[in-house]
Amino acid sequence: MNKPDLTVILASPRGFCAGVDRAISIVEKALEKYGAPVYVRHEIVHNKFVVDSLRAKGAIFVKDLDEVPAGSHVIFSAHGVPKSIPQAAIAANLEFLDATCPLVSKVHREVEHHYKAGHTILLVGHRGHPEVIGTMGQVPEGSVILIETEEDARTVTIADPANLAYATQTTLSVDEVTGILAILKERFPTIHGPRKEDICYATTNRQAAVKAIAPQVEAMIVIGAPNSSNSNRLVEAARLVGCAKAALYQRAQDIDWDWLMGVSRLGLSAGASAPEILVDELIDALKEKFNVTVEEIRVIEENIVFHLPAKLRKA
């Protein structure tokens, strides 16, 4: 039986960003230097394949520090943690390494700066996301008001509008944040913001790449975890520019093949915490069912690298 033709349009950039690369390398280098086990508080990044791969090398993932034996090495995830977590690690006699993405740390410093300046702080983000929890935990409880939607931006009540600042989660939809900030700036013209936007370069670039190819395809697949904010935003970006048939899958084994029936042009991207091996895996799976031609559309070159902590560089 002849296979149907399928053109796969690869979005580029896609997959790992510099912050994810750094976080994974921190776990791997810590295992090399200290030996197994090394403990990791929460998922180092939101990707089951990555977590399982590190677990196979000797990493132990825990929810809370009280699961880590005294004297052990523990690593904090790329999403960042409240200030109370390093303090608790020291009190528990734990050696810790911080794998927080430097671009998330930048937002932490902004929030601290605004707090010290006496500003009421608005944080645009998603409630319950580890990055939001970590960012709000940089200052005393109650110092930050979370803004999740445009409706929140329209209705939030500020006691002193002249002393107001905002920051944003790094992995949000560019379009969503633009709308929210437009409302805040209209309501509060003197609101203080970051010198450089908080949405990270990788989030922006991956959304731009998806938007470039989505109008050219009949369906879009994003490889990523269901709890990955930046991956979910890629699906939303595809739908926003007219590709209604867009879906998030973790692995090739999860694909609903009936969903692809009749599709001759497929867009493919991957979230910032999804390794390229999962993209290759999906293309191989597609080749079993289709006569596949692969094309790539690149919107920008990325060359950003973040250094490892000094403890590991010396190793």
Protein backbone atom coordinates (compact mmCIF):
# COMPACT_ATOMS: atom_id res chain seq x y z
CA MET A 1 0.00 0.00 0.00
CA ASN A 2 1.36 3.41 -0.95
CA LYS A 3 1.95 5.78 1.94
CA PRO A 4 0.32 9.23 1.71
CA ASP A 5 2.68 12.18 1.21
CA LEU A 6 3.36 14.41 4.21
CA THR A 7 5.45 17.56 4.29
CA VAL A 8 6.74 18.32 7.79
CA ILE A 9 7.65 21.97 8.38
CA LEU A 10 10.06 22.24 11.30
CA ALA A 11 9.95 25.44 13.35
CA SER A 12 13.33 26.84 14.31
CA PRO A 13 14.31 27.73 16.98
CA ARG A 14 12.66 24.92 18.92
CA GLY A 15 13.51 22.73 21.87
CA PHE A 16 16.12 23.35 24.55
CA CYS A 17 16.95 26.91 25.58
CA ALA A 18 20.11 28.02 27.38
CA GLY A 19 18.43 27.93 30.80
CA VAL A 20 17.26 24.34 30.34
CA ASP A 21 20.67 23.27 28.99
CA ARG A 22 22.31 24.81 32.06
CA ALA A 23 19.91 23.19 34.52
CA ILE A 24 20.36 19.71 33.06
CA SER A 25 24.14 20.18 32.95
CA ILE A 26 24.13 21.18 36.63
CA VAL A 27 22.53 17.84 37.56
CA GLU A 28 24.88 15.87 35.31
CA LYS A 29 28.01 17.68 36.51
CA ALA A 30 26.93 17.34 40.15
CA LEU A 31 26.57 13.58 39.67
CA GLU A 32 30.05 13.47 38.12
CA LYS A 33 31.61 15.50 40.95
CA TYR A 34 29.76 14.20 44.00
CA GLY A 35 28.52 10.81 42.82
CA ALA A 36 25.01 9.41 43.11
CA PRO A 37 22.66 10.13 44.58
CA VAL A 38 22.16 13.82 44.01
CA TYR A 39 18.74 15.12 45.03
CA VAL A 40 16.64 17.50 42.93
CA ARG A 41 13.76 19.49 44.41
CA HIS A 42 10.84 19.13 41.98
CA GLU A 43 11.31 18.46 38.26
CA ILE A 44 14.53 20.11 37.11
CA VAL A 45 12.60 21.12 33.97
CA HIS A 46 9.09 20.20 32.86
CA ASN A 47 9.81 17.15 30.74
CA LYS A 48 9.29 13.52 31.76
CA PHE A 49 11.90 12.18 29.31
CA VAL A 50 14.56 14.49 30.77
CA VAL A 51 13.60 13.68 34.36
CA ASP A 52 13.59 9.94 33.70
CA SER A 53 16.99 10.17 31.96
CA LEU A 54 18.53 11.98 34.94
CA ARG A 55 16.90 9.58 37.37
CA ALA A 56 18.57 6.70 35.51
CA LYS A 57 21.93 8.44 36.08
CA GLY A 58 21.39 8.68 39.83
CA ALA A 59 19.31 11.80 40.45
CA ILE A 60 16.54 11.48 43.04
CA PHE A 61 13.62 13.87 42.61
CA VAL A 62 11.78 15.00 45.73
CA LYS A 63 8.86 17.27 46.51
CA ASP A 64 10.19 18.68 49.78
CA LEU A 65 13.56 19.18 51.41
CA ASP A 66 12.57 17.00 54.37
CA GLU A 67 12.94 14.02 52.01
CA VAL A 68 16.66 14.79 51.58
CA PRO A 69 19.11 13.23 54.10
CA ALA A 70 21.29 15.69 56.03
CA GLY A 71 24.65 16.30 54.41
CA SER A 72 23.35 15.48 50.92
CA HIS A 73 23.57 17.62 47.79
CA VAL A 74 20.29 19.07 46.52
CA ILE A 75 19.59 21.07 43.37
CA PHE A 76 16.81 23.62 42.90
CA SER A 77 14.93 23.51 39.60
CA ALA A 78 15.24 25.90 36.66
CA HIS A 79 11.94 27.56 37.58
CA GLY A 80 13.36 29.18 40.70
CA VAL A 81 12.38 28.89 44.37
CA PRO A 82 11.20 31.20 47.15
CA LYS A 83 13.92 32.64 49.39
CA SER A 84 12.75 30.39 52.18
CA ILE A 85 13.98 27.26 50.36
CA PRO A 86 17.75 27.99 50.41
CA GLN A 87 17.35 29.11 54.02
CA ALA A 88 15.65 25.81 54.87
CA ALA A 89 18.39 23.88 53.06
CA ILE A 90 21.08 25.57 55.15
CA ALA A 91 19.14 24.89 58.35
CA ALA A 92 18.85 21.21 57.36
CA ASN A 93 22.61 20.91 56.73
CA LEU A 94 22.19 20.39 52.99
CA GLU A 95 24.64 21.40 50.29
CA PHE A 96 22.63 23.07 47.54
CA LEU A 97 23.13 24.15 43.94
CA ASP A 98 20.71 26.61 42.35
CA ALA A 99 19.74 25.76 38.76
CA THR A 100 17.34 28.71 38.47
CA CYS A 101 17.44 30.10 34.94
CA PRO A 102 19.38 33.40 34.98
CA LEU A 103 16.47 35.08 33.20
CA VAL A 104 14.14 34.02 36.01
CA SER A 105 16.72 35.29 38.53
CA LYS A 106 16.58 38.63 36.69
CA VAL A 107 12.84 38.84 37.45
CA HIS A 108 13.55 37.93 41.09
CA ARG A 109 15.97 40.87 41.37
CA GLU A 110 13.42 43.21 39.76
CA VAL A 111 10.74 42.22 42.27
CA GLU A 112 13.15 42.71 45.17
CA HIS A 113 14.15 46.13 43.81
CA HIS A 114 10.52 47.24 43.52
CA TYR A 115 9.76 46.01 47.02
CA LYS A 116 12.69 47.95 48.49
CA ALA A 117 11.54 51.03 46.57
CA GLY A 118 8.15 50.79 48.25
CA HIS A 119 6.19 49.87 45.13
CA THR A 120 3.07 47.76 45.04
CA ILE A 121 4.08 44.90 42.71
CA LEU A 122 1.86 43.32 40.06
CA LEU A 123 3.09 39.98 38.69
CA VAL A 124 1.60 38.84 35.40
CA GLY A 125 1.62 35.06 35.45
CA HIS A 126 -0.24 31.80 36.05
CA ARG A 127 -1.27 30.90 39.58
CA GLY A 128 0.42 27.79 40.92
CA HIS A 129 3.23 27.68 38.36
CA PRO A 130 6.59 27.00 40.08
CA GLU A 131 8.13 30.13 38.56
CA VAL A 132 5.34 32.32 39.92
CA ILE A 133 5.61 30.71 43.35
CA GLY A 134 9.35 31.33 43.34
CA THR A 135 9.07 34.92 42.18
CA MET A 136 6.38 35.84 44.70
CA GLY A 137 8.51 34.19 47.37
CA GLN A 138 11.35 36.67 46.93
CA VAL A 139 9.50 39.25 49.04
CA PRO A 140 7.21 39.05 52.10
CA GLU A 141 3.83 37.43 51.59
CA GLY A 142 1.20 39.91 50.43
CA SER A 143 3.69 42.18 48.67
CA VAL A 144 2.79 40.91 45.19
CA ILE A 145 -0.60 40.90 43.46
CA LEU A 146 -0.99 38.23 40.77
CA ILE A 147 -2.55 39.29 37.46
CA GLU A 148 -3.62 36.32 35.32
CA THR A 149 -6.03 37.83 32.80
CA GLU A 150 -7.02 41.05 31.08
CA GLU A 151 -10.06 41.12 33.36
CA ASP A 152 -7.73 41.07 36.37
CA ALA A 153 -5.86 44.01 34.86
CA ARG A 154 -9.11 45.94 34.40
CA THR A 155 -10.43 45.34 37.91
CA VAL A 156 -7.39 45.26 40.22
CA THR A 157 -7.61 47.88 42.96
CA ILE A 158 -4.43 49.72 43.91
CA ALA A 159 -4.27 51.86 47.06
CA ASP A 160 -1.39 54.01 45.77
CA PRO A 161 -1.35 53.99 41.93
CA ALA A 162 1.61 56.38 41.86
CA ASN A 163 3.78 53.72 43.52
CA LEU A 164 3.16 50.76 41.25
CA ALA A 165 5.41 48.33 39.35
CA TYR A 166 5.00 45.13 37.36
CA ALA A 167 6.96 42.04 36.36
CA THR A 168 5.97 39.01 34.30
CA GLN A 169 6.51 35.27 34.23
CA THR A 170 9.15 34.47 31.60
CA THR A 171 7.20 31.81 29.69
CA LEU A 172 3.92 33.55 28.87
CA SER A 173 2.24 34.19 25.54
CA VAL A 174 3.70 37.35 24.02
CA ASP A 175 0.26 38.36 22.73
CA GLU A 176 -1.47 37.69 26.04
CA VAL A 177 1.04 39.78 27.98
CA THR A 178 0.85 42.61 25.44
CA GLY A 179 -2.90 42.88 26.01
CA ILE A 180 -2.62 42.78 29.80
CA LEU A 181 0.17 45.36 29.91
CA ALA A 182 -1.71 47.69 27.56
CA ILE A 183 -4.60 47.75 30.02
CA LEU A 184 -2.33 48.29 33.03
CA LYS A 185 -0.43 51.11 31.34
CA GLU A 186 -3.65 52.80 30.30
CA ARG A 187 -5.07 52.60 33.83
CA PHE A 188 -1.77 53.41 35.56
CA PRO A 189 0.36 55.60 33.25
CA THR A 190 3.22 55.92 35.76
CA ILE A 191 3.59 52.17 36.41
CA HIS A 192 7.22 51.03 36.58
CA GLY A 193 8.32 48.13 34.37
CA PRO A 194 11.52 46.24 33.59
CA ARG A 195 14.21 47.89 31.47
CA LYS A 196 14.08 44.84 29.24
CA GLU A 197 10.94 42.71 28.95
CA ASP A 198 10.70 39.71 31.25
CA ILE A 199 9.41 37.18 28.70
CA CYS A 200 12.58 35.32 27.83
CA TYR A 201 14.25 35.25 24.42
CA ALA A 202 13.52 31.53 23.99
CA THR A 203 9.80 31.92 24.62
CA THR A 204 9.62 34.85 22.21
CA ASN A 205 11.65 33.14 19.49
CA ARG A 206 9.77 29.83 19.66
CA GLN A 207 6.43 31.59 19.46
CA ALA A 208 7.64 33.64 16.49
CA ALA A 209 8.80 30.48 14.69
CA VAL A 210 5.46 28.76 15.25
CA LYS A 211 3.59 31.83 13.99
CA ALA A 212 5.75 31.84 10.86
CA ILE A 213 4.83 28.29 9.86
CA ALA A 214 1.32 27.82 11.30
CA PRO A 215 -0.46 29.66 8.44
CA GLN A 216 1.30 27.33 5.96
CA VAL A 217 0.17 24.01 7.47
CA GLU A 218 -3.03 22.08 8.08
CA ALA A 219 -2.02 20.84 11.53
CA MET A 220 0.61 21.67 14.16
CA ILE A 221 2.22 19.39 16.73
CA VAL A 222 4.19 20.76 19.66
CA ILE A 223 6.37 18.30 21.57
CA GLY A 224 6.28 19.13 25.25
CA ALA A 225 4.91 18.30 28.67
CA PRO A 226 1.33 19.14 29.67
CA ASN A 227 2.64 21.11 32.67
CA SER A 228 5.09 23.11 30.54
CA SER A 229 3.92 26.71 30.28
CA ASN A 230 6.03 27.62 27.26
CA SER A 231 4.93 24.48 25.37
CA ASN A 232 1.24 25.20 25.94
CA ARG A 233 1.78 28.77 24.77
CA LEU A 234 3.17 27.42 21.46
CA VAL A 235 -0.07 25.57 20.81
CA GLU A 236 -1.99 28.76 21.57
CA ALA A 237 0.27 30.74 19.23
CA ALA A 238 -0.45 28.34 16.35
CA ARG A 239 -4.19 28.63 16.90
CA LEU A 240 -3.98 32.40 17.19
CA VAL A 241 -2.61 32.75 13.65
CA GLY A 242 -5.14 30.41 12.08
CA CYS A 243 -4.02 26.81 12.60
CA ALA A 244 -7.00 25.54 14.58
CA LYS A 245 -5.74 21.94 14.40
CA ALA A 246 -2.89 22.28 16.91
CA ALA A 247 -2.03 19.85 19.70
CA LEU A 248 0.55 19.18 22.41
CA TYR A 249 2.09 15.70 22.69
CA GLN A 250 4.83 14.42 25.01
CA ARG A 251 6.12 11.60 22.81
CA ALA A 252 5.53 10.00 19.41
CA GLN A 253 3.83 7.10 21.19
CA ASP A 254 1.08 9.50 22.33
CA ILE A 255 0.08 10.68 18.84
CA ASP A 256 -3.54 10.21 17.81
CA TRP A 257 -2.95 9.00 14.26
CA ASP A 258 -6.61 9.40 13.30
CA TRP A 259 -6.18 13.10 14.12
CA LEU A 260 -3.62 13.30 11.28
CA MET A 261 -5.88 11.67 8.69
CA GLY A 262 -6.03 13.83 5.55
CA VAL A 263 -3.19 16.15 6.65
CA SER A 264 -0.58 16.75 3.94
CA ARG A 265 1.34 19.63 5.58
CA LEU A 266 2.26 19.34 9.26
CA GLY A 267 4.02 21.92 11.40
CA LEU A 268 6.31 20.66 14.15
CA SER A 269 7.91 22.45 17.09
CA ALA A 270 9.09 21.61 20.61
CA GLY A 271 8.92 23.47 23.89
CA ALA A 272 12.04 24.85 25.54
CA SER A 273 12.33 21.85 27.87
CA ALA A 274 11.86 19.19 25.17
CA PRO A 275 15.04 17.55 23.79
CA GLU A 276 15.63 17.26 20.04
CA ILE A 277 15.69 13.47 20.33
CA LEU A 278 11.91 13.59 20.83
CA VAL A 279 11.51 15.57 17.60
CA ASP A 280 13.61 12.98 15.76
CA GLU A 281 11.55 10.20 17.36
CA LEU A 282 8.32 11.75 16.05
CA ILE A 283 9.71 12.21 12.53
CA ASP A 284 10.78 8.55 12.49
CA ALA A 285 7.27 7.53 13.59
CA LEU A 286 5.75 9.70 10.86
CA LYS A 287 7.97 8.02 8.27
CA GLU A 288 6.45 4.66 9.13
CA LYS A 289 3.02 5.90 8.10
CA PHE A 290 3.77 8.63 5.53
CA ASN A 291 6.12 9.44 2.69
CA VAL A 292 7.75 12.30 4.61
CA THR A 293 9.54 15.37 3.27
CA VAL A 294 11.10 17.59 5.95
CA GLU A 295 11.58 21.33 5.53
CA GLU A 296 12.81 23.80 8.13
CA ILE A 297 11.94 27.47 8.57
CA ARG A 298 14.33 29.41 10.79
CA VAL A 299 13.30 32.83 12.07
CA ILE A 300 16.39 33.66 14.15
CA GLU A 301 19.72 32.22 15.22
CA GLU A 302 20.25 31.60 18.94
CA ASN A 303 23.73 31.61 20.47
CA ILE A 304 23.05 32.33 24.14
CA VAL A 305 24.94 30.23 26.72
CA PHE A 306 24.65 30.43 30.51
CA HIS A 307 27.63 29.43 32.65
CA LEU A 308 27.51 26.72 35.28
CA PRO A 309 27.85 27.63 38.99
CA ALA A 310 31.44 28.25 40.07
CA LYS A 311 31.50 25.07 42.19
CA LEU A 312 30.94 22.96 39.10
CA ARG A 313 33.13 24.99 36.74
CA LYS A 314 36.09 24.33 39.02
CA ALA A 315 35.32 20.62 38.80
